[in-house]
Structures are given as C-alpha cells and as structure tokens.
Amino acid sequence: MVFALTEIINNVFIFNYFPNAWKTAVVVPILKPGKDPTIPDNYRPISLLSILGKITENFILDKLNEHLIGNKILCPEQFGFRKSLTTSHQLLRVVEYIKKGFDRGECTAAVFLDIQKAFDRVWKQGLIHKLIMYKPPPNLVQLLNSYLDDRKFAFRIGNSSSESKTMKAGIPQGGGDLARSLLHLRKRHPYDA
C-alpha cells in the first residue's frame, strides 16, 4: 500500500500532472453559527476533496516553500503554511511588538483583514503569472498549473448531489495548506498580475 502511494505521488512529480480524479470537489454548504438558514450567503461552502490529492498537495507545498524560502520570497512575518511556525508564534510576536511600543509610550494600531469569498475570486491565470514572476523551476509551475486547471465541483445537500460543473475561477476552499499558500502569494503584490 505504501509503495503504491509513493509510486503514485512520484508520478505526479515526474509527469507534472495532478490527476483530474482528484480535482472534483464535493461542495457542502455549512451554516455559519447563529446565522439565518434561509439566506444563502450565511453558508460557508466547504470543498470535500480526494485524500490522495490532499496528501500530494502537502508534497507540492514542500517544493513550493523550498523555492520561496530558499530565494527569500516569503517575508519573515509570514507564519502561515510554514513548518514549525504557527499562529501562536505570530500572536506572541504581535503581543511582544505591542508591549515594546507601550513601554516606550508609543501608540500601536493594527488592521485585520478578512477578504470575502477570497478563495472563490482567485484568477487562476493571474496566479500562475505571479508564480512565474517568483521564478520557480518550470516543472513546478507546470504541476501547479495542472493542479489549478480544469477543476470541477458538485454541490451536495443531504443525500442529493448536483451535476459537476467546471470552475471558471477560484481555488478549492477545502484544500490543504497549498490552496491557502497560493492565496497568500496572490495577495502579496495584488497589482502585479
């Protein structure tokens, strides 16, 4: 079993191809806490994806982070989607920064941003253009393009499912850290692509 899984994942990297069978998301709407269930915007669409695809995403993310960290593309303040760095580390860093400012009699302001429907609005070709600007190995760009290209989704409510449709934009919200990392890269310099 482990050998077969290893061979499958190795072939993803050899052929720079993310299998189509792993790219169909079953979208389950989850009601946000305390919200009116009769209003569609009160539901969060969660994408249920292939376990094999999610495992493979972690290996792709390792390759992407290897390039981004090795070329000092990720800023030191970027804690999400990086090994051994957590939101707790970032929170401690922010608290320490505020405390130092307070000790010096300085004011500290913070801005927290939540981009509505951020995953749904990613322009995939713009994201690939952004990746190319960071000069990763061409095979990684090809693999990430395969990961993003020709994704499909179907809605499931209870025991009923819709027909699958092709996603015109966006990245899977139920994906692993790879999707969130790509979203972060897209936001880094939003006007470049």
N, C-alpha and C. Protein backbone atom coordinates (compact mmCIF):
# COMPACT_ATOMS: atom_id res chain seq x y z
N MET A 1 0.82 -1.20 0.00
CA MET A 1 0.00 0.00 0.00
C MET A 1 0.87 1.26 0.00
N VAL A 2 1.85 1.32 0.91
CA VAL A 2 2.72 2.49 0.98
C VAL A 2 3.51 2.63 -0.31
N PHE A 3 3.99 1.50 -0.85
CA PHE A 3 4.75 1.55 -2.10
C PHE A 3 3.90 2.10 -3.23
N ALA A 4 2.65 1.64 -3.33
CA ALA A 4 1.75 2.11 -4.39
C ALA A 4 1.48 3.61 -4.25
N LEU A 5 1.25 4.07 -3.03
CA LEU A 5 1.02 5.50 -2.80
C LEU A 5 2.25 6.31 -3.16
N THR A 6 3.42 5.83 -2.78
CA THR A 6 4.67 6.51 -3.11
C THR A 6 4.85 6.60 -4.62
N GLU A 7 4.56 5.51 -5.31
CA GLU A 7 4.70 5.49 -6.77
C GLU A 7 3.73 6.48 -7.43
N ILE A 8 2.51 6.54 -6.93
CA ILE A 8 1.52 7.47 -7.49
C ILE A 8 2.00 8.91 -7.30
N ILE A 9 2.43 9.25 -6.10
CA ILE A 9 2.87 10.63 -5.83
C ILE A 9 4.14 10.95 -6.62
N ASN A 10 5.07 10.01 -6.71
CA ASN A 10 6.27 10.24 -7.52
C ASN A 10 5.91 10.51 -8.97
N ASN A 11 4.91 9.79 -9.50
CA ASN A 11 4.49 10.02 -10.88
C ASN A 11 3.86 11.39 -11.07
N VAL A 12 3.21 11.92 -10.05
CA VAL A 12 2.67 13.28 -10.14
C VAL A 12 3.82 14.25 -10.42
N PHE A 13 4.95 14.05 -9.74
CA PHE A 13 6.11 14.93 -9.92
C PHE A 13 6.88 14.62 -11.20
N ILE A 14 6.94 13.37 -11.59
CA ILE A 14 7.64 13.01 -12.83
C ILE A 14 6.93 13.61 -14.03
N PHE A 15 5.60 13.50 -14.05
CA PHE A 15 4.83 13.95 -15.21
C PHE A 15 4.26 15.36 -15.04
N ASN A 16 4.49 15.98 -13.86
CA ASN A 16 3.98 17.33 -13.58
C ASN A 16 2.48 17.40 -13.87
N TYR A 17 1.78 16.41 -13.38
CA TYR A 17 0.35 16.27 -13.69
C TYR A 17 -0.40 15.91 -12.41
N PHE A 18 -1.39 16.73 -12.08
CA PHE A 18 -2.26 16.47 -10.95
C PHE A 18 -3.52 15.81 -11.49
N PRO A 19 -3.79 14.55 -11.13
CA PRO A 19 -4.88 13.79 -11.74
C PRO A 19 -6.25 14.47 -11.65
N ASN A 20 -6.98 14.42 -12.75
CA ASN A 20 -8.32 15.02 -12.80
C ASN A 20 -9.26 14.42 -11.76
N ALA A 21 -9.09 13.13 -11.48
CA ALA A 21 -9.96 12.47 -10.50
C ALA A 21 -9.84 13.11 -9.12
N TRP A 22 -8.74 13.78 -8.85
CA TRP A 22 -8.52 14.43 -7.56
C TRP A 22 -8.99 15.87 -7.55
N LYS A 23 -9.46 16.38 -8.69
CA LYS A 23 -9.77 17.81 -8.81
C LYS A 23 -11.26 18.12 -8.77
N THR A 24 -12.09 17.14 -8.49
CA THR A 24 -13.52 17.41 -8.36
C THR A 24 -13.86 17.55 -6.88
N ALA A 25 -14.35 18.72 -6.53
CA ALA A 25 -14.73 19.00 -5.14
C ALA A 25 -16.22 18.74 -4.96
N VAL A 26 -16.56 18.08 -3.89
CA VAL A 26 -17.96 17.96 -3.49
C VAL A 26 -18.16 19.07 -2.47
N VAL A 27 -18.97 20.06 -2.84
CA VAL A 27 -19.16 21.24 -2.00
C VAL A 27 -20.36 21.03 -1.09
N VAL A 28 -20.10 21.15 0.20
CA VAL A 28 -21.14 21.00 1.21
C VAL A 28 -21.32 22.36 1.88
N PRO A 29 -22.52 22.95 1.80
CA PRO A 29 -22.73 24.24 2.47
C PRO A 29 -22.91 24.04 3.98
N ILE A 30 -22.12 24.76 4.76
CA ILE A 30 -22.19 24.70 6.22
C ILE A 30 -22.70 26.04 6.73
N LEU A 31 -23.78 26.01 7.49
CA LEU A 31 -24.36 27.24 8.04
C LEU A 31 -23.40 27.87 9.05
N LYS A 32 -23.16 29.16 8.89
CA LYS A 32 -22.32 29.89 9.85
C LYS A 32 -23.08 29.99 11.17
N PRO A 33 -22.36 29.88 12.29
CA PRO A 33 -23.02 29.89 13.61
C PRO A 33 -23.89 31.13 13.83
N GLY A 34 -25.10 30.89 14.33
CA GLY A 34 -26.00 31.98 14.68
C GLY A 34 -26.62 32.71 13.50
N LYS A 35 -26.49 32.18 12.29
CA LYS A 35 -27.00 32.86 11.10
C LYS A 35 -28.34 32.28 10.65
N ASP A 36 -29.09 33.09 9.91
CA ASP A 36 -30.39 32.70 9.38
C ASP A 36 -30.21 31.68 8.25
N PRO A 37 -30.75 30.47 8.39
CA PRO A 37 -30.55 29.44 7.36
C PRO A 37 -31.28 29.70 6.05
N THR A 38 -32.16 30.70 5.99
CA THR A 38 -32.88 30.99 4.75
C THR A 38 -32.10 31.91 3.83
N ILE A 39 -30.96 32.44 4.28
CA ILE A 39 -30.15 33.35 3.47
C ILE A 39 -28.92 32.60 2.96
N PRO A 40 -28.80 32.42 1.62
CA PRO A 40 -27.69 31.64 1.06
C PRO A 40 -26.29 32.14 1.47
N ASP A 41 -26.11 33.45 1.60
CA ASP A 41 -24.79 33.98 1.97
C ASP A 41 -24.37 33.60 3.39
N ASN A 42 -25.29 33.05 4.16
CA ASN A 42 -24.96 32.65 5.53
C ASN A 42 -24.35 31.25 5.61
N TYR A 43 -24.07 30.67 4.44
CA TYR A 43 -23.46 29.35 4.39
C TYR A 43 -22.02 29.47 3.89
N ARG A 44 -21.14 28.67 4.48
CA ARG A 44 -19.75 28.60 4.04
C ARG A 44 -19.61 27.34 3.17
N PRO A 45 -19.18 27.51 1.91
CA PRO A 45 -19.02 26.33 1.06
C PRO A 45 -17.71 25.61 1.39
N ILE A 46 -17.80 24.38 1.83
CA ILE A 46 -16.61 23.60 2.15
C ILE A 46 -16.44 22.53 1.08
N SER A 47 -15.26 22.49 0.49
CA SER A 47 -14.96 21.53 -0.57
C SER A 47 -14.38 20.25 0.01
N LEU A 48 -15.06 19.15 -0.22
CA LEU A 48 -14.54 17.84 0.17
C LEU A 48 -13.74 17.31 -1.01
N LEU A 49 -12.47 17.04 -0.77
CA LEU A 49 -11.56 16.65 -1.84
C LEU A 49 -10.95 15.28 -1.58
N SER A 50 -10.35 14.73 -2.61
CA SER A 50 -9.69 13.43 -2.53
C SER A 50 -8.58 13.44 -1.48
N ILE A 51 -8.55 12.41 -0.65
CA ILE A 51 -7.49 12.28 0.36
C ILE A 51 -6.13 12.16 -0.32
N LEU A 52 -6.04 11.37 -1.39
CA LEU A 52 -4.77 11.26 -2.12
C LEU A 52 -4.32 12.62 -2.65
N GLY A 53 -5.28 13.39 -3.15
CA GLY A 53 -4.96 14.73 -3.64
C GLY A 53 -4.44 15.62 -2.53
N LYS A 54 -5.07 15.55 -1.37
CA LYS A 54 -4.64 16.39 -0.24
C LYS A 54 -3.26 15.99 0.27
N ILE A 55 -2.97 14.69 0.29
CA ILE A 55 -1.64 14.23 0.68
C ILE A 55 -0.60 14.76 -0.31
N THR A 56 -0.91 14.65 -1.59
CA THR A 56 0.01 15.12 -2.63
C THR A 56 0.21 16.62 -2.55
N GLU A 57 -0.86 17.37 -2.21
CA GLU A 57 -0.74 18.82 -2.06
C GLU A 57 0.35 19.18 -1.06
N ASN A 58 0.46 18.41 0.03
CA ASN A 58 1.49 18.71 1.03
C ASN A 58 2.89 18.57 0.46
N PHE A 59 3.11 17.59 -0.41
CA PHE A 59 4.42 17.44 -1.04
C PHE A 59 4.68 18.58 -2.03
N ILE A 60 3.65 19.00 -2.75
CA ILE A 60 3.80 20.13 -3.67
C ILE A 60 4.11 21.39 -2.88
N LEU A 61 3.41 21.59 -1.76
CA LEU A 61 3.66 22.75 -0.92
C LEU A 61 5.10 22.75 -0.40
N ASP A 62 5.62 21.58 -0.03
CA ASP A 62 7.02 21.49 0.41
C ASP A 62 7.96 21.99 -0.68
N LYS A 63 7.72 21.57 -1.92
CA LYS A 63 8.57 22.01 -3.05
C LYS A 63 8.43 23.52 -3.27
N LEU A 64 7.20 24.02 -3.19
CA LEU A 64 6.98 25.46 -3.38
C LEU A 64 7.66 26.25 -2.28
N ASN A 65 7.48 25.84 -1.03
CA ASN A 65 8.10 26.55 0.09
C ASN A 65 9.62 26.47 0.03
N GLU A 66 10.15 25.35 -0.41
CA GLU A 66 11.60 25.20 -0.57
C GLU A 66 12.13 26.31 -1.49
N HIS A 67 11.42 26.55 -2.59
CA HIS A 67 11.83 27.61 -3.52
C HIS A 67 11.63 29.00 -2.90
N LEU A 68 10.46 29.23 -2.31
CA LEU A 68 10.14 30.55 -1.78
C LEU A 68 11.05 30.93 -0.62
N ILE A 69 11.34 29.99 0.27
CA ILE A 69 12.21 30.27 1.41
C ILE A 69 13.66 30.38 0.94
N GLY A 70 14.09 29.46 0.08
CA GLY A 70 15.46 29.47 -0.42
C GLY A 70 15.81 30.74 -1.17
N ASN A 71 14.83 31.36 -1.80
CA ASN A 71 15.06 32.60 -2.56
C ASN A 71 14.57 33.83 -1.82
N LYS A 72 14.28 33.67 -0.54
CA LYS A 72 13.85 34.77 0.34
C LYS A 72 12.65 35.54 -0.23
N ILE A 73 11.71 34.79 -0.79
CA ILE A 73 10.50 35.39 -1.34
C ILE A 73 9.45 35.56 -0.25
N LEU A 74 9.37 34.60 0.67
CA LEU A 74 8.44 34.73 1.79
C LEU A 74 9.03 35.69 2.81
N CYS A 75 8.23 36.64 3.24
CA CYS A 75 8.72 37.59 4.24
C CYS A 75 8.78 36.89 5.60
N PRO A 76 9.68 37.35 6.47
CA PRO A 76 9.83 36.70 7.78
C PRO A 76 8.55 36.73 8.61
N GLU A 77 7.67 37.69 8.33
CA GLU A 77 6.42 37.81 9.08
C GLU A 77 5.37 36.81 8.63
N GLN A 78 5.66 36.07 7.55
CA GLN A 78 4.72 35.07 7.05
C GLN A 78 4.85 33.80 7.88
N PHE A 79 3.85 33.52 8.70
CA PHE A 79 3.89 32.35 9.57
C PHE A 79 2.98 31.24 9.07
N GLY A 80 1.95 31.57 8.32
CA GLY A 80 1.01 30.55 7.87
C GLY A 80 1.63 29.65 6.82
N PHE A 81 1.25 28.36 6.84
CA PHE A 81 1.61 27.38 5.83
C PHE A 81 3.10 27.09 5.80
N ARG A 82 3.79 27.33 6.92
CA ARG A 82 5.22 27.04 7.01
C ARG A 82 5.47 26.11 8.18
N LYS A 83 6.36 25.16 7.97
CA LYS A 83 6.66 24.18 9.02
C LYS A 83 7.25 24.87 10.24
N SER A 84 6.85 24.40 11.39
CA SER A 84 7.36 24.85 12.70
C SER A 84 6.97 26.28 13.04
N LEU A 85 6.10 26.91 12.26
CA LEU A 85 5.62 28.26 12.57
C LEU A 85 4.10 28.20 12.63
N THR A 86 3.53 28.74 13.71
CA THR A 86 2.09 28.65 13.90
C THR A 86 1.50 30.03 14.16
N THR A 87 0.19 30.09 14.18
CA THR A 87 -0.47 31.35 14.52
C THR A 87 -0.14 31.75 15.96
N SER A 88 0.13 30.78 16.82
CA SER A 88 0.52 31.10 18.20
C SER A 88 1.84 31.86 18.22
N HIS A 89 2.79 31.44 17.38
CA HIS A 89 4.06 32.16 17.27
C HIS A 89 3.81 33.60 16.82
N GLN A 90 2.95 33.75 15.81
CA GLN A 90 2.67 35.09 15.29
C GLN A 90 1.97 35.94 16.33
N LEU A 91 1.05 35.36 17.07
CA LEU A 91 0.35 36.09 18.12
C LEU A 91 1.33 36.56 19.19
N LEU A 92 2.24 35.70 19.60
CA LEU A 92 3.26 36.09 20.58
C LEU A 92 4.13 37.23 20.04
N ARG A 93 4.47 37.17 18.76
CA ARG A 93 5.27 38.21 18.12
C ARG A 93 4.52 39.55 18.15
N VAL A 94 3.24 39.53 17.84
CA VAL A 94 2.44 40.76 17.84
C VAL A 94 2.31 41.32 19.26
N VAL A 95 2.04 40.46 20.23
CA VAL A 95 1.92 40.91 21.62
C VAL A 95 3.23 41.54 22.09
N GLU A 96 4.35 40.93 21.74
CA GLU A 96 5.67 41.48 22.12
C GLU A 96 5.89 42.85 21.47
N TYR A 97 5.50 42.98 20.21
CA TYR A 97 5.64 44.25 19.49
C TYR A 97 4.80 45.34 20.17
N ILE A 98 3.57 45.00 20.52
CA ILE A 98 2.68 45.96 21.20
C ILE A 98 3.25 46.34 22.57
N LYS A 99 3.75 45.36 23.30
CA LYS A 99 4.32 45.61 24.63
C LYS A 99 5.52 46.55 24.55
N LYS A 100 6.41 46.32 23.58
CA LYS A 100 7.58 47.19 23.42
C LYS A 100 7.14 48.62 23.12
N GLY A 101 6.16 48.77 22.25
CA GLY A 101 5.64 50.11 21.94
C GLY A 101 5.02 50.76 23.16
N PHE A 102 4.27 50.00 23.92
CA PHE A 102 3.64 50.51 25.14
C PHE A 102 4.71 50.97 26.14
N ASP A 103 5.77 50.16 26.30
CA ASP A 103 6.86 50.51 27.22
C ASP A 103 7.56 51.80 26.80
N ARG A 104 7.57 52.09 25.51
CA ARG A 104 8.21 53.32 25.01
C ARG A 104 7.22 54.48 24.91
N GLY A 105 5.97 54.25 25.32
CA GLY A 105 4.96 55.29 25.26
C GLY A 105 4.42 55.54 23.86
N GLU A 106 4.57 54.57 22.99
CA GLU A 106 4.10 54.71 21.61
C GLU A 106 2.71 54.10 21.46
N CYS A 107 1.99 54.59 20.47
CA CYS A 107 0.68 54.02 20.14
C CYS A 107 0.89 52.90 19.12
N THR A 108 0.06 51.91 19.20
CA THR A 108 0.12 50.81 18.25
C THR A 108 -1.26 50.63 17.64
N ALA A 109 -1.28 50.50 16.34
CA ALA A 109 -2.54 50.26 15.63
C ALA A 109 -2.41 48.94 14.87
N ALA A 110 -3.50 48.28 14.67
CA ALA A 110 -3.50 47.03 13.92
C ALA A 110 -4.69 47.02 12.97
N VAL A 111 -4.46 46.43 11.82
CA VAL A 111 -5.53 46.25 10.84
C VAL A 111 -5.63 44.76 10.55
N PHE A 112 -6.81 44.21 10.70
CA PHE A 112 -7.05 42.81 10.41
C PHE A 112 -8.04 42.75 9.25
N LEU A 113 -7.72 41.96 8.25
CA LEU A 113 -8.48 41.95 7.02
C LEU A 113 -9.04 40.56 6.76
N ASP A 114 -10.32 40.51 6.45
CA ASP A 114 -10.96 39.27 6.06
C ASP A 114 -11.55 39.52 4.68
N ILE A 115 -10.97 38.91 3.67
CA ILE A 115 -11.43 39.14 2.30
C ILE A 115 -12.59 38.19 2.01
N GLN A 116 -13.75 38.78 1.74
CA GLN A 116 -14.95 38.00 1.50
C GLN A 116 -14.80 37.18 0.22
N LYS A 117 -15.10 35.90 0.33
CA LYS A 117 -15.05 34.97 -0.80
C LYS A 117 -13.68 34.96 -1.49
N ALA A 118 -12.62 35.09 -0.70
CA ALA A 118 -11.26 35.18 -1.25
C ALA A 118 -10.90 33.98 -2.12
N PHE A 119 -11.23 32.78 -1.68
CA PHE A 119 -10.89 31.58 -2.45
C PHE A 119 -11.65 31.54 -3.78
N ASP A 120 -12.89 32.02 -3.75
CA ASP A 120 -13.74 31.96 -4.95
C ASP A 120 -13.31 32.95 -6.02
N ARG A 121 -12.57 33.97 -5.65
CA ARG A 121 -12.28 35.07 -6.58
C ARG A 121 -10.87 35.05 -7.16
N VAL A 122 -10.11 34.02 -6.89
CA VAL A 122 -8.75 33.95 -7.41
C VAL A 122 -8.79 33.72 -8.91
N TRP A 123 -8.10 34.59 -9.64
CA TRP A 123 -7.95 34.46 -11.09
C TRP A 123 -6.78 33.51 -11.31
N LYS A 124 -7.07 32.31 -11.79
CA LYS A 124 -6.05 31.26 -11.86
C LYS A 124 -4.88 31.63 -12.77
N GLN A 125 -5.15 32.19 -13.93
CA GLN A 125 -4.04 32.54 -14.83
C GLN A 125 -3.20 33.67 -14.25
N GLY A 126 -3.83 34.59 -13.53
CA GLY A 126 -3.07 35.64 -12.84
C GLY A 126 -2.18 35.05 -11.76
N LEU A 127 -2.68 34.03 -11.09
CA LEU A 127 -1.88 33.36 -10.06
C LEU A 127 -0.68 32.66 -10.68
N ILE A 128 -0.87 31.98 -11.80
CA ILE A 128 0.25 31.33 -12.49
C ILE A 128 1.26 32.39 -12.94
N HIS A 129 0.78 33.52 -13.46
CA HIS A 129 1.67 34.61 -13.85
C HIS A 129 2.49 35.08 -12.65
N LYS A 130 1.83 35.22 -11.51
CA LYS A 130 2.51 35.63 -10.28
C LYS A 130 3.59 34.61 -9.91
N LEU A 131 3.26 33.32 -10.00
CA LEU A 131 4.23 32.27 -9.68
C LEU A 131 5.45 32.35 -10.59
N ILE A 132 5.22 32.57 -11.87
CA ILE A 132 6.32 32.67 -12.83
C ILE A 132 7.24 33.83 -12.46
N MET A 133 6.67 34.94 -11.95
CA MET A 133 7.48 36.09 -11.53
C MET A 133 8.45 35.71 -10.41
N TYR A 134 8.09 34.72 -9.59
CA TYR A 134 8.95 34.28 -8.49
C TYR A 134 9.99 33.26 -8.94
N LYS A 135 10.01 32.93 -10.23
CA LYS A 135 11.00 32.08 -10.87
C LYS A 135 11.18 30.69 -10.23
N PRO A 136 10.09 29.98 -9.99
CA PRO A 136 10.26 28.59 -9.52
C PRO A 136 10.71 27.71 -10.68
N PRO A 137 11.16 26.49 -10.42
CA PRO A 137 11.51 25.59 -11.52
C PRO A 137 10.30 25.40 -12.44
N PRO A 138 10.53 25.37 -13.76
CA PRO A 138 9.42 25.24 -14.72
C PRO A 138 8.52 24.03 -14.45
N ASN A 139 9.10 22.91 -13.99
CA ASN A 139 8.26 21.74 -13.73
C ASN A 139 7.29 22.00 -12.58
N LEU A 140 7.67 22.83 -11.61
CA LEU A 140 6.77 23.16 -10.51
C LEU A 140 5.63 24.06 -11.01
N VAL A 141 5.95 24.99 -11.90
CA VAL A 141 4.89 25.84 -12.49
C VAL A 141 3.92 24.97 -13.27
N GLN A 142 4.46 24.03 -14.05
CA GLN A 142 3.61 23.14 -14.83
C GLN A 142 2.71 22.30 -13.92
N LEU A 143 3.26 21.80 -12.82
CA LEU A 143 2.47 21.00 -11.89
C LEU A 143 1.40 21.85 -11.21
N LEU A 144 1.76 23.06 -10.79
CA LEU A 144 0.77 23.94 -10.14
C LEU A 144 -0.32 24.35 -11.13
N ASN A 145 0.05 24.55 -12.38
CA ASN A 145 -0.95 24.86 -13.40
C ASN A 145 -1.90 23.67 -13.57
N SER A 146 -1.35 22.47 -13.57
CA SER A 146 -2.19 21.27 -13.66
C SER A 146 -3.09 21.16 -12.44
N TYR A 147 -2.57 21.50 -11.27
CA TYR A 147 -3.35 21.47 -10.02
C TYR A 147 -4.54 22.42 -10.10
N LEU A 148 -4.33 23.60 -10.69
CA LEU A 148 -5.38 24.63 -10.74
C LEU A 148 -6.33 24.45 -11.92
N ASP A 149 -5.85 23.85 -13.01
CA ASP A 149 -6.61 23.79 -14.25
C ASP A 149 -7.70 22.72 -14.21
N ASP A 150 -8.80 23.02 -14.86
CA ASP A 150 -9.89 22.07 -15.08
C ASP A 150 -10.44 21.47 -13.78
N ARG A 151 -10.58 22.31 -12.77
CA ARG A 151 -11.18 21.85 -11.51
C ARG A 151 -12.69 21.85 -11.67
N LYS A 152 -13.34 20.93 -11.00
CA LYS A 152 -14.79 20.81 -11.07
C LYS A 152 -15.37 20.79 -9.66
N PHE A 153 -16.67 21.05 -9.59
CA PHE A 153 -17.35 20.99 -8.30
C PHE A 153 -18.77 20.49 -8.51
N ALA A 154 -19.31 19.90 -7.47
CA ALA A 154 -20.71 19.49 -7.43
C ALA A 154 -21.20 19.79 -6.02
N PHE A 155 -22.42 20.26 -5.90
CA PHE A 155 -23.00 20.54 -4.58
C PHE A 155 -23.66 19.29 -4.03
N ARG A 156 -23.55 19.11 -2.72
CA ARG A 156 -24.25 18.02 -2.06
C ARG A 156 -24.97 18.58 -0.85
N ILE A 157 -26.27 18.35 -0.81
CA ILE A 157 -27.08 18.73 0.35
C ILE A 157 -27.80 17.46 0.78
N GLY A 158 -27.49 17.00 1.97
CA GLY A 158 -28.05 15.74 2.44
C GLY A 158 -27.57 14.61 1.56
N ASN A 159 -28.51 13.85 1.00
CA ASN A 159 -28.16 12.73 0.12
C ASN A 159 -28.25 13.09 -1.36
N SER A 160 -28.54 14.36 -1.66
CA SER A 160 -28.70 14.79 -3.06
C SER A 160 -27.45 15.54 -3.53
N SER A 161 -27.03 15.24 -4.77
CA SER A 161 -25.87 15.90 -5.37
C SER A 161 -26.25 16.48 -6.73
N SER A 162 -25.63 17.59 -7.07
CA SER A 162 -25.83 18.21 -8.38
C SER A 162 -24.87 17.57 -9.39
N GLU A 163 -25.05 17.92 -10.66
CA GLU A 163 -24.07 17.54 -11.68
C GLU A 163 -22.81 18.35 -11.43
N SER A 164 -21.66 17.81 -11.84
CA SER A 164 -20.42 18.58 -11.66
C SER A 164 -20.33 19.65 -12.74
N LYS A 165 -19.76 20.78 -12.34
CA LYS A 165 -19.55 21.93 -13.23
C LYS A 165 -18.09 22.32 -13.16
N THR A 166 -17.58 22.94 -14.23
CA THR A 166 -16.19 23.41 -14.25
C THR A 166 -16.08 24.74 -13.55
N MET A 167 -15.06 24.87 -12.69
CA MET A 167 -14.81 26.15 -12.01
C MET A 167 -14.15 27.10 -13.00
N LYS A 168 -14.71 28.29 -13.14
CA LYS A 168 -14.14 29.30 -14.04
C LYS A 168 -13.05 30.11 -13.33
N ALA A 169 -13.18 30.24 -12.02
CA ALA A 169 -12.20 30.97 -11.22
C ALA A 169 -12.17 30.34 -9.85
N GLY A 170 -11.19 30.70 -9.07
CA GLY A 170 -11.13 30.25 -7.70
C GLY A 170 -10.25 29.03 -7.49
N ILE A 171 -9.99 28.79 -6.22
CA ILE A 171 -9.22 27.63 -5.79
C ILE A 171 -10.03 26.94 -4.70
N PRO A 172 -9.83 25.64 -4.49
CA PRO A 172 -10.70 24.91 -3.56
C PRO A 172 -10.54 25.36 -2.11
N GLN A 173 -11.66 25.71 -1.50
CA GLN A 173 -11.64 26.18 -0.11
C GLN A 173 -11.40 25.05 0.87
N GLY A 174 -11.69 23.84 0.50
CA GLY A 174 -11.46 22.71 1.40
C GLY A 174 -10.11 22.07 1.18
N GLY A 175 -9.29 22.70 0.32
CA GLY A 175 -7.97 22.16 0.06
C GLY A 175 -7.08 22.31 1.29
N GLY A 176 -5.92 21.73 1.20
CA GLY A 176 -4.98 21.83 2.31
C GLY A 176 -4.26 23.17 2.30
N ASP A 177 -3.10 23.17 2.92
CA ASP A 177 -2.33 24.41 3.02
C ASP A 177 -1.84 24.92 1.68
N LEU A 178 -1.77 24.06 0.65
CA LEU A 178 -1.32 24.52 -0.66
C LEU A 178 -2.25 25.59 -1.20
N ALA A 179 -3.56 25.37 -1.15
CA ALA A 179 -4.52 26.36 -1.65
C ALA A 179 -4.41 27.67 -0.88
N ARG A 180 -4.28 27.58 0.44
CA ARG A 180 -4.16 28.80 1.26
C ARG A 180 -2.84 29.51 1.00
N SER A 181 -1.78 28.75 0.77
CA SER A 181 -0.48 29.35 0.47
C SER A 181 -0.52 30.07 -0.87
N LEU A 182 -1.18 29.46 -1.86
CA LEU A 182 -1.31 30.11 -3.17
C LEU A 182 -2.14 31.38 -3.05
N LEU A 183 -3.18 31.34 -2.23
CA LEU A 183 -3.99 32.53 -2.00
C LEU A 183 -3.14 33.64 -1.39
N HIS A 184 -2.29 33.28 -0.43
CA HIS A 184 -1.41 34.27 0.19
C HIS A 184 -0.44 34.86 -0.83
N LEU A 185 0.13 34.03 -1.69
CA LEU A 185 1.05 34.53 -2.72
C LEU A 185 0.35 35.52 -3.63
N ARG A 186 -0.89 35.23 -3.96
CA ARG A 186 -1.65 36.11 -4.85
C ARG A 186 -1.88 37.47 -4.21
N LYS A 187 -2.05 37.49 -2.88
CA LYS A 187 -2.32 38.75 -2.17
C LYS A 187 -1.06 39.56 -1.92
N ARG A 188 0.11 38.93 -2.04
CA ARG A 188 1.36 39.62 -1.69
C ARG A 188 1.57 40.90 -2.45
N HIS A 189 1.45 40.86 -3.75
CA HIS A 189 1.55 42.04 -4.60
C HIS A 189 0.33 42.02 -5.52
N PRO A 190 -0.83 42.44 -5.02
CA PRO A 190 -2.08 42.21 -5.76
C PRO A 190 -2.17 42.90 -7.11
N TYR A 191 -1.34 43.90 -7.36
CA TYR A 191 -1.47 44.63 -8.62
C TYR A 191 -0.45 44.19 -9.66
N ASP A 192 0.38 43.21 -9.33
CA ASP A 192 1.39 42.73 -10.28
C ASP A 192 0.77 41.89 -11.39
N ALA A 193 -0.30 41.19 -11.08
CA ALA A 193 -0.91 40.32 -12.09
C ALA A 193 -2.42 40.41 -11.99
